[in-house]
């Protein structure tokens, strides 16, 4: 079964609240087998809307990535991000 990636583009407006989100989200992501490949590292924006924070996390499957997002632990974390950041998040399955 192919793995999957969370790809997030984020513009943080409230660093304190977003920090609370990040701490709780890290635990939820790990609980679902996720690990960060890139998290706020250097980037080059070539097309589309520029957002200062970009995150890529790898999960063992698309189902695990979606289950993480829908989990009570992640949804509790997400409450801190709402109003503290503008985000786009997509799950992309690895090519076989």
N, C-alpha and C. Protein backbone atom coordinates (compact mmCIF):
# COMPACT_ATOMS: atom_id res chain seq x y z
N UNK A 1 0.85 -1.17 0.00
CA UNK A 1 0.00 0.00 0.00
C UNK A 1 0.90 1.24 0.00
N UNK A 2 0.65 2.17 -0.91
CA UNK A 2 1.49 3.37 -0.96
C UNK A 2 1.24 4.29 0.24
N UNK A 3 2.27 5.02 0.61
CA UNK A 3 2.14 6.02 1.65
C UNK A 3 1.42 7.25 1.11
N UNK A 4 1.34 8.26 1.95
CA UNK A 4 0.68 9.51 1.55
C UNK A 4 1.33 10.68 2.26
N UNK A 5 1.14 11.85 1.70
CA UNK A 5 1.71 13.07 2.26
C UNK A 5 0.62 14.07 2.61
N UNK A 6 0.78 14.72 3.74
CA UNK A 6 0.05 15.96 4.02
C UNK A 6 0.92 17.06 3.47
N UNK A 7 0.36 17.94 2.68
CA UNK A 7 1.08 19.11 2.20
C UNK A 7 0.27 20.33 2.63
N UNK A 8 0.88 21.15 3.46
CA UNK A 8 0.19 22.32 4.01
C UNK A 8 0.95 23.58 3.67
N UNK A 9 0.20 24.62 3.33
CA UNK A 9 0.75 25.96 3.10
C UNK A 9 0.04 26.86 4.09
N UNK A 10 0.82 27.57 4.91
CA UNK A 10 0.25 28.26 6.06
C UNK A 10 0.78 29.69 6.16
N UNK A 11 -0.12 30.60 6.50
CA UNK A 11 0.25 31.97 6.86
C UNK A 11 -0.25 32.19 8.28
N UNK A 12 0.68 32.29 9.22
CA UNK A 12 0.35 32.40 10.65
C UNK A 12 0.10 33.87 11.00
N UNK A 13 -1.01 34.12 11.69
CA UNK A 13 -1.33 35.47 12.16
C UNK A 13 -1.26 35.60 13.68
N UNK A 14 -1.30 34.49 14.39
CA UNK A 14 -1.20 34.48 15.85
C UNK A 14 -0.23 33.36 16.24
N UNK A 15 1.03 33.73 16.42
CA UNK A 15 2.09 32.74 16.66
C UNK A 15 1.87 31.95 17.95
N UNK A 16 1.36 32.59 18.99
CA UNK A 16 1.16 31.90 20.26
C UNK A 16 0.10 30.80 20.13
N UNK A 17 -1.04 31.14 19.56
CA UNK A 17 -2.10 30.14 19.37
C UNK A 17 -1.65 29.05 18.40
N UNK A 18 -0.95 29.43 17.34
CA UNK A 18 -0.50 28.44 16.38
C UNK A 18 0.55 27.52 17.00
N UNK A 19 1.33 28.04 17.92
CA UNK A 19 2.30 27.20 18.64
C UNK A 19 1.60 26.12 19.45
N UNK A 20 0.47 26.47 20.07
CA UNK A 20 -0.32 25.47 20.81
C UNK A 20 -0.83 24.40 19.84
N UNK A 21 -1.33 24.84 18.68
CA UNK A 21 -1.78 23.89 17.66
C UNK A 21 -0.64 22.95 17.29
N UNK A 22 0.53 23.51 16.97
CA UNK A 22 1.65 22.70 16.48
C UNK A 22 2.07 21.65 17.50
N UNK A 23 2.10 22.02 18.78
CA UNK A 23 2.49 21.06 19.81
C UNK A 23 1.51 19.89 19.88
N UNK A 24 0.22 20.20 19.88
CA UNK A 24 -0.79 19.14 19.95
C UNK A 24 -0.87 18.33 18.65
N UNK A 25 -0.73 19.01 17.51
CA UNK A 25 -0.80 18.33 16.22
C UNK A 25 0.36 17.36 16.04
N UNK A 26 1.53 17.73 16.53
CA UNK A 26 2.71 16.86 16.42
C UNK A 26 2.42 15.51 17.06
N UNK A 27 1.82 15.51 18.23
CA UNK A 27 1.49 14.26 18.92
C UNK A 27 0.44 13.46 18.14
N UNK A 28 -0.59 14.15 17.64
CA UNK A 28 -1.65 13.46 16.88
C UNK A 28 -1.08 12.83 15.61
N UNK A 29 -0.22 13.56 14.93
CA UNK A 29 0.38 13.06 13.68
C UNK A 29 1.23 11.83 13.97
N UNK A 30 2.06 11.88 15.00
CA UNK A 30 2.90 10.73 15.36
C UNK A 30 2.04 9.52 15.74
N UNK A 31 0.95 9.75 16.44
CA UNK A 31 0.06 8.65 16.86
C UNK A 31 -0.51 7.91 15.64
N UNK A 32 -0.63 8.59 14.50
CA UNK A 32 -1.16 7.97 13.29
C UNK A 32 -0.07 7.56 12.31
N UNK A 33 1.15 7.44 12.81
CA UNK A 33 2.26 6.96 11.98
C UNK A 33 2.87 8.03 11.10
N UNK A 34 2.53 9.29 11.32
CA UNK A 34 3.06 10.37 10.50
C UNK A 34 4.41 10.85 11.01
N UNK A 35 5.21 11.36 10.08
CA UNK A 35 6.49 11.97 10.44
C UNK A 35 6.73 13.14 9.50
N UNK A 36 7.33 14.18 10.04
CA UNK A 36 7.57 15.39 9.26
C UNK A 36 8.78 15.23 8.36
N UNK A 37 8.62 15.63 7.10
CA UNK A 37 9.73 15.67 6.15
C UNK A 37 10.23 17.09 5.98
N UNK A 38 9.33 18.05 6.07
CA UNK A 38 9.68 19.47 5.99
C UNK A 38 8.70 20.23 6.87
N UNK A 39 9.22 21.18 7.62
CA UNK A 39 8.36 21.92 8.55
C UNK A 39 8.95 23.31 8.76
N UNK A 40 8.45 24.25 7.97
CA UNK A 40 8.93 25.62 8.10
C UNK A 40 10.35 25.83 7.59
N UNK A 41 10.79 24.99 6.68
CA UNK A 41 12.15 25.10 6.15
C UNK A 41 12.18 26.06 4.95
N UNK A 42 13.35 26.28 4.41
CA UNK A 42 13.50 27.18 3.26
C UNK A 42 12.71 26.66 2.07
N UNK A 43 12.25 27.57 1.23
CA UNK A 43 11.47 27.20 0.05
C UNK A 43 11.62 28.27 -1.01
N UNK A 44 11.21 27.93 -2.22
CA UNK A 44 11.16 28.87 -3.34
C UNK A 44 9.75 28.81 -3.90
N UNK A 45 9.02 29.90 -3.89
CA UNK A 45 7.67 29.97 -4.43
C UNK A 45 7.76 30.22 -5.93
N UNK A 46 7.27 29.29 -6.73
CA UNK A 46 7.34 29.44 -8.19
C UNK A 46 6.00 29.81 -8.81
N UNK A 47 4.92 29.32 -8.24
CA UNK A 47 3.59 29.62 -8.76
C UNK A 47 2.61 29.68 -7.59
N UNK A 48 1.49 30.35 -7.81
CA UNK A 48 0.43 30.37 -6.82
C UNK A 48 0.71 31.32 -5.67
N UNK A 49 -0.13 31.22 -4.67
CA UNK A 49 -0.07 32.12 -3.52
C UNK A 49 1.07 31.75 -2.59
N UNK A 50 1.86 32.72 -2.23
CA UNK A 50 2.99 32.51 -1.32
C UNK A 50 2.49 32.52 0.12
N UNK A 51 2.84 31.49 0.86
CA UNK A 51 2.58 31.43 2.30
C UNK A 51 3.91 31.11 2.96
N UNK A 52 4.20 31.78 4.04
CA UNK A 52 5.53 31.72 4.64
C UNK A 52 5.89 30.39 5.28
N UNK A 53 4.91 29.56 5.59
CA UNK A 53 5.19 28.29 6.27
C UNK A 53 4.65 27.15 5.41
N UNK A 54 5.51 26.19 5.13
CA UNK A 54 5.13 25.02 4.33
C UNK A 54 5.51 23.78 5.11
N UNK A 55 4.60 22.80 5.12
CA UNK A 55 4.81 21.59 5.92
C UNK A 55 4.49 20.38 5.06
N UNK A 56 5.36 19.38 5.13
CA UNK A 56 5.11 18.10 4.46
C UNK A 56 5.30 17.00 5.51
N UNK A 57 4.28 16.18 5.67
CA UNK A 57 4.35 15.04 6.60
C UNK A 57 4.02 13.77 5.82
N UNK A 58 4.73 12.70 6.13
CA UNK A 58 4.50 11.41 5.47
C UNK A 58 3.74 10.48 6.40
N UNK A 59 2.77 9.78 5.84
CA UNK A 59 1.97 8.80 6.57
C UNK A 59 2.08 7.45 5.87
N UNK A 60 1.80 6.36 6.57
CA UNK A 60 1.91 5.03 5.96
C UNK A 60 0.89 4.79 4.85
N UNK A 61 -0.22 5.52 4.84
CA UNK A 61 -1.25 5.33 3.81
C UNK A 61 -2.12 6.58 3.75
N UNK A 62 -2.87 6.70 2.67
CA UNK A 62 -3.83 7.78 2.54
C UNK A 62 -4.89 7.68 3.64
N UNK A 63 -5.29 6.46 3.94
CA UNK A 63 -6.30 6.24 4.98
C UNK A 63 -5.79 6.69 6.35
N UNK A 64 -4.52 6.40 6.65
CA UNK A 64 -3.95 6.84 7.93
C UNK A 64 -3.86 8.36 8.00
N UNK A 65 -3.51 8.99 6.89
CA UNK A 65 -3.42 10.46 6.85
C UNK A 65 -4.79 11.09 7.07
N UNK A 66 -5.81 10.55 6.43
CA UNK A 66 -7.16 11.09 6.59
C UNK A 66 -7.69 10.80 8.00
N UNK A 67 -7.41 9.61 8.51
CA UNK A 67 -7.85 9.26 9.87
C UNK A 67 -7.22 10.20 10.89
N UNK A 68 -5.98 10.56 10.68
CA UNK A 68 -5.32 11.51 11.57
C UNK A 68 -6.07 12.83 11.57
N UNK A 69 -6.36 13.35 10.39
CA UNK A 69 -7.06 14.64 10.29
C UNK A 69 -8.40 14.59 11.01
N UNK A 70 -9.11 13.51 10.86
CA UNK A 70 -10.46 13.39 11.43
C UNK A 70 -10.46 12.95 12.90
N UNK A 71 -9.30 12.62 13.44
CA UNK A 71 -9.23 12.11 14.81
C UNK A 71 -9.57 13.19 15.83
N UNK A 72 -10.10 12.78 16.98
CA UNK A 72 -10.40 13.74 18.04
C UNK A 72 -9.17 14.53 18.49
N UNK A 73 -8.01 13.87 18.51
CA UNK A 73 -6.78 14.53 18.95
C UNK A 73 -6.39 15.67 17.99
N UNK A 74 -6.46 15.38 16.69
CA UNK A 74 -6.09 16.42 15.73
C UNK A 74 -7.13 17.52 15.69
N UNK A 75 -8.40 17.17 15.77
CA UNK A 75 -9.45 18.18 15.76
C UNK A 75 -9.33 19.11 16.97
N UNK A 76 -8.92 18.58 18.11
CA UNK A 76 -8.69 19.41 19.30
C UNK A 76 -7.52 20.37 19.04
N UNK A 77 -6.47 19.87 18.41
CA UNK A 77 -5.33 20.73 18.05
C UNK A 77 -5.76 21.82 17.09
N UNK A 78 -6.56 21.45 16.12
CA UNK A 78 -6.99 22.35 15.07
C UNK A 78 -7.77 23.55 15.61
N UNK A 79 -8.43 23.37 16.74
CA UNK A 79 -9.16 24.49 17.36
C UNK A 79 -8.23 25.68 17.63
N UNK A 80 -6.95 25.41 17.92
CA UNK A 80 -5.99 26.48 18.18
C UNK A 80 -5.53 27.16 16.89
N UNK A 81 -5.60 26.47 15.78
CA UNK A 81 -5.17 27.04 14.49
C UNK A 81 -6.26 27.91 13.88
N UNK A 82 -7.51 27.60 14.17
CA UNK A 82 -8.62 28.39 13.61
C UNK A 82 -8.53 29.81 14.13
N UNK A 83 -8.49 30.76 13.22
CA UNK A 83 -8.36 32.16 13.59
C UNK A 83 -6.93 32.59 13.84
N UNK A 84 -6.01 31.63 13.89
CA UNK A 84 -4.60 31.94 14.13
C UNK A 84 -3.76 31.79 12.86
N UNK A 85 -4.38 31.24 11.80
CA UNK A 85 -3.64 31.02 10.56
C UNK A 85 -4.60 30.81 9.41
N UNK A 86 -4.13 31.15 8.23
CA UNK A 86 -4.84 30.81 7.00
C UNK A 86 -4.07 29.63 6.41
N UNK A 87 -4.79 28.54 6.12
CA UNK A 87 -4.11 27.29 5.74
C UNK A 87 -4.77 26.64 4.54
N UNK A 88 -3.96 25.96 3.77
CA UNK A 88 -4.42 25.01 2.76
C UNK A 88 -3.77 23.69 3.12
N UNK A 89 -4.55 22.61 3.08
CA UNK A 89 -4.01 21.28 3.41
C UNK A 89 -4.59 20.29 2.42
N UNK A 90 -3.72 19.50 1.84
CA UNK A 90 -4.15 18.45 0.90
C UNK A 90 -3.42 17.16 1.29
N UNK A 91 -4.08 16.03 1.06
CA UNK A 91 -3.44 14.72 1.22
C UNK A 91 -3.20 14.18 -0.17
N UNK A 92 -1.97 13.77 -0.44
CA UNK A 92 -1.58 13.24 -1.74
C UNK A 92 -0.96 11.86 -1.56
N UNK A 93 -1.50 10.89 -2.27
CA UNK A 93 -0.96 9.53 -2.20
C UNK A 93 0.32 9.43 -3.01
N UNK A 94 1.28 8.65 -2.50
CA UNK A 94 2.52 8.40 -3.23
C UNK A 94 2.24 7.62 -4.50
N UNK A 95 3.05 7.82 -5.51
CA UNK A 95 2.95 7.01 -6.72
C UNK A 95 3.51 5.62 -6.42
N UNK A 96 2.90 4.63 -7.02
CA UNK A 96 3.35 3.25 -6.80
C UNK A 96 4.65 2.98 -7.51
